[in-house]
N, C-alpha and C. Protein backbone atom coordinates (compact mmCIF):
# COMPACT_ATOMS: atom_id res chain seq x y z
N MET A 1 -8.72 1.97 -25.11
CA MET A 1 -7.50 2.14 -25.38
C MET A 1 -6.91 3.29 -24.24
N THR A 2 -5.66 3.32 -23.80
CA THR A 2 -5.28 4.09 -22.96
C THR A 2 -4.78 5.23 -23.98
N HIS A 3 -4.49 7.00 -23.04
CA HIS A 3 -3.69 7.73 -24.41
C HIS A 3 -2.58 7.41 -24.66
N ILE A 4 -1.39 6.76 -23.92
CA ILE A 4 -0.50 6.31 -24.68
C ILE A 4 -0.46 5.44 -26.06
N GLN A 5 -1.75 4.67 -25.98
CA GLN A 5 -1.87 3.56 -27.10
C GLN A 5 -2.60 4.51 -28.01
N GLN A 6 -3.57 5.09 -27.69
CA GLN A 6 -4.13 6.21 -29.06
C GLN A 6 -3.29 7.10 -29.43
N PHE A 7 -2.23 7.34 -28.94
CA PHE A 7 -1.12 8.28 -29.21
C PHE A 7 -0.15 7.84 -30.62
N LEU A 8 -0.05 6.64 -29.95
CA LEU A 8 0.79 5.52 -30.66
C LEU A 8 0.18 5.19 -32.03
N ASP A 9 -1.20 4.86 -31.83
CA ASP A 9 -1.87 4.55 -32.85
C ASP A 9 -2.05 5.96 -33.97
N LEU A 10 -2.32 6.77 -33.66
CA LEU A 10 -2.60 7.91 -34.20
C LEU A 10 -1.41 7.90 -34.96
N SER A 11 -0.04 7.91 -34.38
CA SER A 11 1.05 8.41 -34.86
C SER A 11 1.51 7.49 -36.15
N SER A 12 1.27 6.20 -36.06
CA SER A 12 1.31 5.59 -37.60
C SER A 12 0.65 5.84 -38.55
N LYS A 13 -0.81 6.47 -38.11
CA LYS A 13 -1.55 6.98 -39.17
C LYS A 13 -1.11 8.18 -39.69
N VAL A 14 -0.55 8.85 -39.08
CA VAL A 14 0.05 10.55 -39.23
C VAL A 14 1.43 10.33 -40.27
N SER A 15 1.97 9.30 -39.81
CA SER A 15 3.64 9.06 -40.66
C SER A 15 3.02 8.31 -41.95
N LEU A 16 1.69 7.57 -41.97
CA LEU A 16 1.40 7.38 -43.70
C LEU A 16 0.53 8.37 -44.40
N ALA A 17 0.41 9.29 -43.83
CA ALA A 17 -0.11 10.62 -44.46
C ALA A 17 0.38 11.39 -44.78
N ILE A 18 1.93 11.47 -44.34
CA ILE A 18 2.89 12.38 -44.93
C ILE A 18 3.05 12.46 -46.00
N ASP A 19 2.87 13.72 -47.07
CA ASP A 19 3.45 13.87 -48.34
C ASP A 19 4.99 13.64 -48.74
N ALA A 20 4.98 12.48 -48.96
CA ALA A 20 6.51 12.50 -49.32
C ALA A 20 7.20 12.78 -50.39
N SER A 21 6.31 13.18 -51.42
CA SER A 21 6.95 13.55 -52.62
C SER A 21 7.64 15.37 -52.24
N VAL A 22 6.96 15.93 -51.03
CA VAL A 22 7.57 17.23 -50.66
C VAL A 22 8.82 16.68 -50.09
N VAL A 23 8.71 15.58 -49.04
CA VAL A 23 10.05 15.62 -48.31
C VAL A 23 11.12 15.34 -49.34
N GLU A 24 10.80 14.86 -50.67
CA GLU A 24 11.64 14.10 -51.59
C GLU A 24 11.99 15.96 -52.35
N HIS A 25 11.41 16.33 -52.56
CA HIS A 25 11.44 17.71 -52.97
C HIS A 25 12.40 18.56 -52.00
N ILE A 26 12.40 18.36 -50.57
CA ILE A 26 12.88 19.29 -49.58
C ILE A 26 14.63 18.87 -50.01
N ALA A 27 14.80 17.22 -49.82
CA ALA A 27 15.85 16.73 -49.83
C ALA A 27 16.72 17.07 -51.15
N GLU A 28 16.02 17.26 -52.51
CA GLU A 28 16.67 17.79 -53.18
C GLU A 28 17.11 18.97 -53.68
N GLY A 29 16.12 20.02 -52.87
CA GLY A 29 16.81 21.31 -52.68
C GLY A 29 18.05 21.77 -51.72
N ILE A 30 18.03 20.60 -50.73
CA ILE A 30 19.02 20.97 -50.24
C ILE A 30 20.22 20.14 -50.63
N LEU A 31 20.28 18.85 -51.44
CA LEU A 31 21.61 18.57 -52.07
C LEU A 31 21.88 19.81 -53.12
N LYS A 32 21.13 20.50 -53.38
CA LYS A 32 21.39 21.67 -54.44
C LYS A 32 22.35 22.86 -53.41
N VAL A 33 21.64 22.54 -52.62
CA VAL A 33 22.35 24.02 -51.42
C VAL A 33 23.73 23.59 -51.64
N ARG A 34 24.13 22.35 -51.21
CA ARG A 34 25.19 21.70 -51.00
C ARG A 34 26.41 21.71 -52.08
N GLU A 35 25.78 21.57 -53.34
CA GLU A 35 26.26 21.40 -54.37
C GLU A 35 27.12 22.86 -54.81
N GLN A 36 25.86 23.98 -54.21
CA GLN A 36 26.69 25.05 -54.71
C GLN A 36 27.26 25.51 -53.20
N ASN A 37 27.52 24.70 -52.51
CA ASN A 37 28.43 25.57 -51.54
C ASN A 37 27.88 26.36 -50.82
N GLY A 38 26.30 26.35 -50.32
CA GLY A 38 25.56 27.23 -49.71
C GLY A 38 25.26 26.84 -48.50
N ARG A 39 24.87 27.55 -47.60
CA ARG A 39 24.43 27.03 -46.13
C ARG A 39 22.86 27.33 -46.18
N LEU A 40 22.64 26.40 -44.79
CA LEU A 40 21.40 26.45 -44.54
C LEU A 40 21.05 26.50 -42.91
N PHE A 41 20.04 27.50 -43.29
CA PHE A 41 19.58 28.49 -41.73
C PHE A 41 18.37 28.11 -41.39
N PHE A 42 18.28 27.64 -40.36
CA PHE A 42 17.58 27.08 -39.17
C PHE A 42 16.27 28.01 -38.42
N PHE A 43 15.18 27.97 -38.84
CA PHE A 43 14.41 28.66 -37.67
C PHE A 43 13.61 28.11 -37.19
N GLY A 44 13.15 28.30 -35.85
CA GLY A 44 12.53 27.68 -34.78
C GLY A 44 12.32 28.25 -33.81
N ALA A 45 10.93 28.18 -33.26
CA ALA A 45 11.13 28.64 -31.86
C ALA A 45 10.61 27.46 -30.63
N GLY A 46 10.65 27.68 -29.73
CA GLY A 46 10.52 26.63 -28.47
C GLY A 46 11.05 25.39 -28.89
N GLY A 47 10.24 24.02 -28.63
CA GLY A 47 10.82 23.16 -28.77
C GLY A 47 10.93 22.57 -30.44
N SER A 48 10.89 23.81 -31.32
CA SER A 48 10.85 23.64 -32.51
C SER A 48 12.42 24.37 -33.05
N ALA A 49 12.64 25.10 -31.75
CA ALA A 49 14.22 25.61 -31.92
C ALA A 49 15.11 24.67 -31.65
N ALA A 50 14.69 23.81 -30.37
CA ALA A 50 15.86 22.48 -29.83
C ALA A 50 15.71 21.31 -31.06
N ASN A 51 14.70 21.21 -31.74
CA ASN A 51 14.51 20.51 -32.93
C ASN A 51 15.70 20.59 -33.73
N CYS A 52 15.45 22.31 -34.62
CA CYS A 52 16.73 23.01 -35.27
C CYS A 52 18.26 22.98 -34.85
N SER A 53 18.08 22.66 -33.52
CA SER A 53 19.83 22.59 -32.99
C SER A 53 20.31 21.38 -33.29
N HIS A 54 19.33 20.55 -33.10
CA HIS A 54 19.63 19.22 -33.26
C HIS A 54 20.08 18.52 -35.04
N ALA A 55 19.16 19.25 -35.57
CA ALA A 55 19.13 19.39 -37.21
C ALA A 55 20.25 19.62 -37.60
N VAL A 56 20.90 21.17 -37.19
CA VAL A 56 22.05 21.35 -37.82
C VAL A 56 22.99 20.28 -37.29
N ASN A 57 23.25 19.47 -36.41
CA ASN A 57 24.19 18.61 -35.61
C ASN A 57 24.44 17.92 -36.97
N ASP A 58 22.88 17.04 -37.17
CA ASP A 58 23.02 16.20 -38.41
C ASP A 58 23.53 16.49 -39.55
N PHE A 59 23.24 17.85 -40.13
CA PHE A 59 23.25 18.28 -41.97
C PHE A 59 25.00 18.64 -41.72
N ARG A 60 25.40 18.96 -40.55
CA ARG A 60 26.94 18.84 -40.63
C ARG A 60 27.59 17.86 -40.72
N LYS A 61 26.96 16.75 -39.76
CA LYS A 61 27.72 15.96 -39.31
C LYS A 61 27.96 14.73 -40.28
N LEU A 62 26.28 14.33 -41.18
CA LEU A 62 25.85 13.54 -41.62
C LEU A 62 26.60 13.62 -42.85
N CYS A 63 25.85 15.14 -43.30
CA CYS A 63 25.56 15.36 -44.93
C CYS A 63 26.54 16.49 -45.62
N GLY A 64 27.59 16.76 -44.63
CA GLY A 64 28.65 17.60 -44.82
C GLY A 64 28.15 19.14 -45.10
N ILE A 65 26.82 19.82 -45.01
CA ILE A 65 26.30 20.90 -44.95
C ILE A 65 26.46 21.87 -44.09
N ASP A 66 27.22 23.29 -44.33
CA ASP A 66 26.91 24.59 -43.50
C ASP A 66 25.82 24.72 -43.37
N ALA A 67 25.45 24.06 -41.67
CA ALA A 67 24.22 24.36 -41.11
C ALA A 67 24.04 25.33 -40.14
N ILE A 68 23.40 26.48 -39.99
CA ILE A 68 23.46 27.33 -38.61
C ILE A 68 22.12 27.85 -38.11
N CYS A 69 21.99 27.48 -36.62
CA CYS A 69 20.96 27.93 -36.17
C CYS A 69 20.57 29.03 -35.15
N PRO A 70 20.29 30.21 -35.75
CA PRO A 70 20.59 31.30 -35.20
C PRO A 70 20.20 31.11 -33.56
N THR A 71 19.27 30.63 -33.16
CA THR A 71 18.85 30.41 -31.68
C THR A 71 19.73 29.57 -30.81
N ASP A 72 21.29 29.12 -31.54
CA ASP A 72 21.75 28.34 -30.58
C ASP A 72 23.02 29.22 -30.22
N ASN A 73 22.95 30.90 -30.68
CA ASN A 73 23.60 31.51 -30.41
C ASN A 73 23.56 32.47 -29.51
N VAL A 74 23.10 32.47 -28.42
CA VAL A 74 22.44 32.87 -27.10
C VAL A 74 22.51 34.38 -26.66
N ALA A 75 24.15 34.53 -26.88
CA ALA A 75 24.69 35.98 -26.61
C ALA A 75 23.67 36.60 -27.58
N GLU A 76 24.26 36.67 -29.41
CA GLU A 76 23.66 37.17 -29.93
C GLU A 76 22.21 37.49 -30.12
N LEU A 77 21.60 36.23 -30.18
CA LEU A 77 19.85 35.93 -29.63
C LEU A 77 19.41 37.20 -28.62
N THR A 78 20.02 36.81 -27.42
CA THR A 78 19.29 37.66 -26.55
C THR A 78 19.55 39.31 -26.72
N ALA A 79 20.91 39.66 -27.52
CA ALA A 79 20.90 40.78 -27.52
C ALA A 79 20.38 41.31 -28.12
N ARG A 80 20.14 40.63 -29.47
CA ARG A 80 19.05 41.46 -30.51
C ARG A 80 17.85 41.52 -29.97
N VAL A 81 17.25 40.28 -29.30
CA VAL A 81 15.97 40.36 -28.47
C VAL A 81 15.91 41.40 -28.09
N ASN A 82 16.75 41.86 -26.75
CA ASN A 82 17.04 43.13 -25.92
C ASN A 82 16.87 44.30 -26.53
N ASP A 83 17.49 44.75 -27.62
CA ASP A 83 17.65 45.72 -28.03
C ASP A 83 16.65 45.93 -29.28
N ASP A 84 16.45 44.84 -29.70
CA ASP A 84 15.52 44.95 -31.11
C ASP A 84 14.00 44.47 -31.33
N GLY A 85 13.95 43.60 -30.15
CA GLY A 85 12.72 42.66 -29.90
C GLY A 85 12.63 41.43 -30.46
N TRP A 86 12.40 40.55 -30.91
CA TRP A 86 11.95 39.23 -31.04
C TRP A 86 11.68 39.06 -32.54
N ASP A 87 10.69 40.17 -33.10
CA ASP A 87 10.62 39.96 -34.10
C ASP A 87 11.49 40.02 -35.11
N THR A 88 12.17 40.34 -35.03
CA THR A 88 13.55 40.76 -36.07
C THR A 88 14.75 39.80 -36.03
N VAL A 89 15.05 38.59 -35.35
CA VAL A 89 16.16 38.01 -34.72
C VAL A 89 16.58 37.16 -35.82
N PHE A 90 15.64 36.60 -36.62
CA PHE A 90 15.95 35.82 -37.86
C PHE A 90 16.62 36.77 -39.30
N GLU A 91 15.39 37.71 -39.22
CA GLU A 91 15.74 38.46 -40.57
C GLU A 91 17.29 38.89 -40.47
N SER A 92 17.42 40.17 -39.09
CA SER A 92 18.60 40.15 -39.05
C SER A 92 20.19 39.21 -39.02
N PHE A 93 19.35 38.09 -38.70
CA PHE A 93 20.74 37.34 -38.77
C PHE A 93 21.24 37.00 -40.35
N LEU A 94 20.03 36.67 -41.18
CA LEU A 94 20.50 36.84 -42.58
C LEU A 94 21.18 37.96 -43.09
N LYS A 95 20.58 39.48 -42.68
CA LYS A 95 21.40 40.39 -43.45
C LYS A 95 22.88 40.10 -43.09
N THR A 96 23.16 39.83 -41.42
CA THR A 96 24.62 39.95 -40.91
C THR A 96 25.42 38.78 -41.61
N SER A 97 24.66 37.74 -41.59
CA SER A 97 25.28 36.91 -42.42
C SER A 97 25.79 36.54 -43.91
N GLY A 98 25.04 37.86 -44.42
CA GLY A 98 25.24 37.87 -45.98
C GLY A 98 24.71 36.65 -46.89
N ALA A 99 23.43 36.60 -46.45
CA ALA A 99 22.91 35.60 -47.05
C ALA A 99 22.30 35.59 -48.42
N GLY A 100 21.99 34.89 -49.24
CA GLY A 100 22.17 34.85 -50.58
C GLY A 100 21.61 33.41 -51.35
N GLU A 101 21.07 33.46 -52.89
CA GLU A 101 20.49 32.68 -53.45
C GLU A 101 21.14 31.52 -53.45
N ARG A 102 22.24 30.86 -53.17
CA ARG A 102 22.72 29.75 -52.97
C ARG A 102 22.52 29.32 -51.43
N ASP A 103 21.65 30.03 -50.57
CA ASP A 103 21.95 29.36 -49.20
C ASP A 103 20.12 29.16 -49.04
N ALA A 104 19.60 28.50 -47.96
CA ALA A 104 18.60 28.10 -47.90
C ALA A 104 18.03 28.48 -46.33
N VAL A 105 16.92 28.74 -46.48
CA VAL A 105 15.97 28.41 -44.71
C VAL A 105 15.15 27.27 -44.72
N PHE A 106 15.62 26.83 -43.78
CA PHE A 106 14.40 25.73 -43.19
C PHE A 106 13.81 25.98 -41.71
N VAL A 107 12.70 25.82 -41.96
CA VAL A 107 11.83 26.42 -40.90
C VAL A 107 10.70 24.92 -40.42
N MET A 108 11.15 25.03 -38.82
CA MET A 108 10.47 24.03 -38.21
C MET A 108 9.44 24.78 -37.05
N SER A 109 8.22 24.38 -37.20
CA SER A 109 7.52 25.09 -36.35
C SER A 109 5.98 24.74 -36.40
N VAL A 110 5.41 24.74 -35.34
CA VAL A 110 4.12 23.96 -35.22
C VAL A 110 3.02 25.20 -36.15
N GLY A 111 2.75 26.16 -35.85
CA GLY A 111 2.37 27.04 -36.56
C GLY A 111 2.46 27.60 -37.74
N GLY A 112 3.67 28.04 -37.70
CA GLY A 112 4.19 28.16 -39.08
C GLY A 112 4.27 29.85 -39.34
N GLY A 113 3.75 30.42 -38.70
CA GLY A 113 3.73 31.99 -38.46
C GLY A 113 2.02 32.33 -39.14
N ASP A 114 1.42 32.99 -38.38
CA ASP A 114 0.15 33.52 -38.85
C ASP A 114 0.15 35.53 -39.04
N VAL A 115 0.42 35.63 -40.21
CA VAL A 115 0.36 37.65 -40.55
C VAL A 115 -0.98 37.96 -39.18
N ALA A 116 -1.84 37.66 -39.24
CA ALA A 116 -3.67 38.31 -38.98
C ALA A 116 -3.22 38.16 -37.47
N ARG A 117 -2.99 37.32 -36.94
CA ARG A 117 -3.26 36.84 -35.45
C ARG A 117 -1.53 37.07 -34.90
N HIS A 118 -0.38 37.69 -35.46
CA HIS A 118 0.41 38.05 -35.28
C HIS A 118 1.22 37.27 -34.39
N ILE A 119 1.41 35.88 -35.08
CA ILE A 119 1.80 34.94 -33.98
C ILE A 119 3.21 34.65 -34.96
N SER A 120 4.42 33.79 -33.92
CA SER A 120 5.80 33.98 -34.94
C SER A 120 6.25 34.83 -35.89
N VAL A 121 6.33 35.66 -35.71
CA VAL A 121 6.51 37.09 -36.58
C VAL A 121 8.10 36.90 -36.64
N SER A 122 8.88 36.83 -35.79
CA SER A 122 10.32 36.47 -36.54
C SER A 122 10.22 35.39 -37.48
N ILE A 123 9.57 34.18 -37.41
CA ILE A 123 9.56 33.64 -38.43
C ILE A 123 9.28 34.11 -39.97
N ILE A 124 7.70 34.72 -39.85
CA ILE A 124 7.50 35.34 -41.27
C ILE A 124 8.38 36.33 -41.88
N ARG A 125 8.90 37.09 -40.53
CA ARG A 125 10.21 38.15 -41.40
C ARG A 125 11.14 37.72 -41.72
N GLY A 126 11.68 36.69 -40.85
CA GLY A 126 12.73 35.76 -41.73
C GLY A 126 12.57 35.44 -42.83
N ILE A 127 11.54 34.78 -43.29
CA ILE A 127 10.88 33.89 -44.79
C ILE A 127 10.78 35.23 -45.42
N GLU A 128 10.40 36.49 -45.17
CA GLU A 128 10.37 37.54 -46.16
C GLU A 128 11.55 37.86 -46.38
N GLU A 129 12.94 38.12 -45.52
CA GLU A 129 13.90 38.58 -45.82
C GLU A 129 14.95 37.63 -46.70
N ALA A 130 14.17 36.29 -46.59
CA ALA A 130 15.28 35.03 -47.10
C ALA A 130 14.39 35.14 -48.84
N LYS A 131 13.08 35.45 -49.04
CA LYS A 131 12.80 35.66 -50.19
C LYS A 131 13.22 36.85 -50.87
N ARG A 132 13.42 38.42 -50.18
CA ARG A 132 14.05 39.03 -50.61
C ARG A 132 15.57 38.81 -51.22
N ARG A 133 16.06 37.59 -50.42
CA ARG A 133 17.59 37.38 -50.90
C ARG A 133 17.68 36.67 -52.13
N GLY A 134 16.61 35.99 -52.70
CA GLY A 134 16.28 35.34 -53.66
C GLY A 134 16.63 33.59 -52.99
N MET A 135 16.48 33.33 -51.88
CA MET A 135 16.70 32.01 -50.86
C MET A 135 15.50 31.04 -51.10
N LYS A 136 15.70 29.82 -51.30
CA LYS A 136 14.64 29.08 -51.19
C LYS A 136 13.97 28.81 -49.59
N VAL A 137 13.01 28.57 -49.43
CA VAL A 137 12.72 28.29 -48.10
C VAL A 137 12.08 26.53 -47.83
N PHE A 138 12.38 25.93 -47.13
CA PHE A 138 11.77 24.84 -46.80
C PHE A 138 11.30 24.76 -45.57
N GLY A 139 10.39 23.88 -44.88
CA GLY A 139 9.47 23.74 -43.80
C GLY A 139 9.09 22.48 -43.11
N ILE A 140 8.87 22.24 -42.08
CA ILE A 140 7.87 21.34 -41.94
C ILE A 140 7.33 21.93 -40.58
N VAL A 141 5.82 21.87 -40.50
CA VAL A 141 4.79 22.92 -39.83
C VAL A 141 3.48 21.75 -39.45
N GLY A 142 2.78 22.25 -38.47
CA GLY A 142 1.64 21.53 -38.31
C GLY A 142 0.38 21.73 -38.64
N ARG A 143 0.79 23.33 -39.51
CA ARG A 143 -0.72 23.72 -40.21
C ARG A 143 -0.67 24.26 -41.44
N ALA A 144 -1.69 23.71 -42.30
CA ALA A 144 -1.56 23.89 -44.05
C ALA A 144 -1.62 25.77 -44.35
N ASP A 145 -2.54 26.57 -43.21
CA ASP A 145 -2.70 27.46 -43.75
C ASP A 145 -1.84 28.90 -42.93
N SER A 146 -0.43 28.16 -42.65
CA SER A 146 0.64 28.72 -42.14
C SER A 146 1.25 29.86 -43.25
N PHE A 147 2.01 30.93 -42.59
CA PHE A 147 2.76 31.78 -43.51
C PHE A 147 3.71 30.72 -44.03
N THR A 148 4.55 30.03 -43.36
CA THR A 148 5.62 29.06 -44.02
C THR A 148 5.15 28.43 -45.47
N LYS A 149 3.86 27.39 -44.99
CA LYS A 149 3.29 26.65 -46.13
C LYS A 149 2.92 27.80 -47.49
N GLN A 150 2.27 28.76 -46.90
CA GLN A 150 2.01 29.47 -48.21
C GLN A 150 3.39 30.10 -48.88
N ALA A 151 4.38 30.77 -47.91
CA ALA A 151 5.42 31.07 -48.71
C ALA A 151 6.76 30.53 -49.21
N GLY A 152 6.44 28.90 -48.69
CA GLY A 152 8.00 28.52 -48.58
C GLY A 152 7.82 27.35 -50.06
N ASP A 153 9.03 26.95 -50.66
CA ASP A 153 9.29 26.09 -51.57
C ASP A 153 8.74 24.42 -51.68
N ALA A 154 9.20 24.46 -50.64
CA ALA A 154 8.44 22.91 -50.41
C ALA A 154 8.56 22.44 -48.56
N VAL A 155 7.50 22.74 -48.21
CA VAL A 155 7.01 22.70 -46.74
C VAL A 155 6.20 21.47 -46.78
N VAL A 156 6.60 20.84 -45.94
CA VAL A 156 5.34 19.44 -45.23
C VAL A 156 4.93 19.78 -44.22
N VAL A 157 3.56 19.38 -44.28
CA VAL A 157 2.34 19.91 -43.41
C VAL A 157 2.38 18.63 -42.72
N ILE A 158 2.29 18.37 -41.54
CA ILE A 158 2.26 16.69 -40.75
C ILE A 158 0.78 17.06 -40.50
N PRO A 159 0.17 16.34 -41.25
CA PRO A 159 -1.49 15.96 -40.87
C PRO A 159 -2.18 15.14 -39.59
N VAL A 160 -1.90 16.67 -38.30
CA VAL A 160 -2.46 15.93 -37.18
C VAL A 160 -3.96 16.25 -37.32
N PRO A 161 -4.81 14.93 -37.32
CA PRO A 161 -6.18 15.19 -37.03
C PRO A 161 -6.56 15.55 -35.79
N ALA A 162 -5.97 15.55 -34.71
CA ALA A 162 -6.50 15.70 -33.45
C ALA A 162 -5.79 16.97 -32.76
N PRO A 163 -6.81 18.20 -33.01
CA PRO A 163 -6.50 19.44 -32.29
C PRO A 163 -5.59 19.29 -31.42
N ALA A 164 -5.94 18.62 -29.99
CA ALA A 164 -5.04 18.41 -29.09
C ALA A 164 -3.73 18.30 -28.85
N LEU A 165 -3.32 17.50 -29.94
CA LEU A 165 -1.98 16.59 -30.07
C LEU A 165 -1.68 17.55 -31.21
N LEU A 166 -1.78 18.52 -31.78
CA LEU A 166 -1.09 19.68 -32.69
C LEU A 166 0.51 19.61 -32.48
N THR A 167 0.95 19.99 -31.34
CA THR A 167 1.97 20.57 -30.90
C THR A 167 2.98 19.40 -30.71
N PRO A 168 2.45 18.22 -29.78
CA PRO A 168 3.49 17.41 -29.42
C PRO A 168 3.40 16.14 -30.91
N MET A 169 2.24 16.16 -31.89
CA MET A 169 2.60 15.76 -33.03
C MET A 169 3.50 16.19 -33.88
N SER A 170 3.54 17.60 -34.12
CA SER A 170 4.30 18.50 -35.36
C SER A 170 5.84 18.29 -34.79
N GLU A 171 5.71 18.53 -33.58
CA GLU A 171 7.58 18.32 -32.86
C GLU A 171 8.26 17.06 -33.26
N ALA A 172 7.36 16.00 -32.98
CA ALA A 172 7.78 14.45 -32.95
C ALA A 172 7.90 14.22 -34.59
N PHE A 173 6.91 14.55 -35.59
CA PHE A 173 7.30 14.62 -36.29
C PHE A 173 8.52 15.43 -37.70
N GLN A 174 8.50 16.35 -36.70
CA GLN A 174 9.72 17.49 -37.61
C GLN A 174 10.82 16.41 -37.97
N ALA A 175 11.13 15.38 -36.32
CA ALA A 175 12.73 14.79 -36.10
C ALA A 175 12.47 13.42 -37.18
N ILE A 176 10.91 12.95 -37.18
CA ILE A 176 11.37 11.68 -38.01
C ILE A 176 11.44 12.52 -39.49
N VAL A 177 11.02 13.56 -39.94
CA VAL A 177 11.10 14.27 -41.67
C VAL A 177 12.63 14.49 -41.96
N TRP A 178 12.96 15.40 -40.86
CA TRP A 178 14.57 15.53 -41.08
C TRP A 178 15.24 14.57 -40.62
N HIS A 179 14.96 13.33 -40.15
CA HIS A 179 15.84 12.18 -40.28
C HIS A 179 15.83 11.41 -41.65
N ALA A 180 14.94 11.11 -42.38
CA ALA A 180 14.53 10.79 -43.51
C ALA A 180 15.40 11.57 -44.30
N ILE A 181 15.43 12.67 -44.12
CA ILE A 181 16.38 13.32 -45.18
C ILE A 181 17.84 13.08 -44.90
N VAL A 182 18.19 13.52 -43.72
CA VAL A 182 19.55 13.54 -43.12
C VAL A 182 20.26 11.86 -43.54
N SER A 183 19.24 11.07 -43.83
CA SER A 183 19.68 9.59 -44.22
C SER A 183 19.68 8.84 -45.50
N ASP A 184 18.91 9.93 -46.16
CA ASP A 184 18.57 9.73 -48.09
C ASP A 184 20.28 9.56 -48.25
N PRO A 185 20.32 8.43 -49.15
CA PRO A 185 21.86 8.14 -49.58
C PRO A 185 22.78 9.45 -50.49
N ARG A 186 21.39 9.88 -51.27
CA ARG A 186 22.09 11.32 -52.09
C ARG A 186 22.47 12.58 -51.18
N LEU A 187 22.00 12.53 -50.03
CA LEU A 187 22.85 13.41 -49.19
C LEU A 187 23.81 13.46 -47.92
N CYS A 188 23.80 11.85 -47.64
CA CYS A 188 24.31 11.04 -46.25
C CYS A 188 25.95 11.23 -46.81
N VAL A 189 26.77 11.48 -46.65
CA VAL A 189 28.53 11.52 -46.64
C VAL A 189 29.20 10.73 -45.43
N ARG A 190 28.53 10.40 -44.25
CA ARG A 190 29.12 9.88 -43.36
C ARG A 190 27.96 8.98 -42.78
N PRO A 191 28.59 7.67 -42.51
CA PRO A 191 27.15 7.03 -41.88
C PRO A 191 27.16 7.19 -40.34
N THR A 192 26.09 6.91 -39.83
CA THR A 192 26.14 6.91 -38.30
C THR A 192 26.98 5.99 -37.86
N THR A 193 27.60 6.26 -36.54
CA THR A 193 28.03 4.79 -35.80
C THR A 193 27.31 3.81 -35.42
N TRP A 194 26.21 4.04 -35.36
CA TRP A 194 25.54 3.06 -34.80
C TRP A 194 23.90 3.01 -35.35
């Protein structure tokens, strides 16, 4: 079996192993955010930041939810990183936005943050700020032991059995999970063209 065949075979197994009840819980939570006229703040870095940007489009256009991706505002992001460091970018974005309990955070991250190893500190601090503000935290991550999974309200862990494929599988399945959510008839207010 080639690498591509193995990857596709593993993808089907991972898909069947995702906890659908957690995805349902996220969809219900996001529905509540919309009902409260709240906002959905997406946190991610690297490829996950790109996924967050795409997800913002889908939640805004298809679901009618005010969704925001701080990493899309390159001028503000780089000014904050330059002056204050990367660790506070999401935390400070929530503060400036006056985020509150009717809003929520949606994290997309492979590792999901690790306090002890000082990894994805910006996500950790953003989640901590969200919790101080009474916000719900949703997420899609690749590690069950992540800060996001431990601190979040509803967080899907992508069950990748091959450690070498953790990043590509986690980022690929972020797209599958959020597309399942935005196409949910409870949330989707505008059908796709194709």
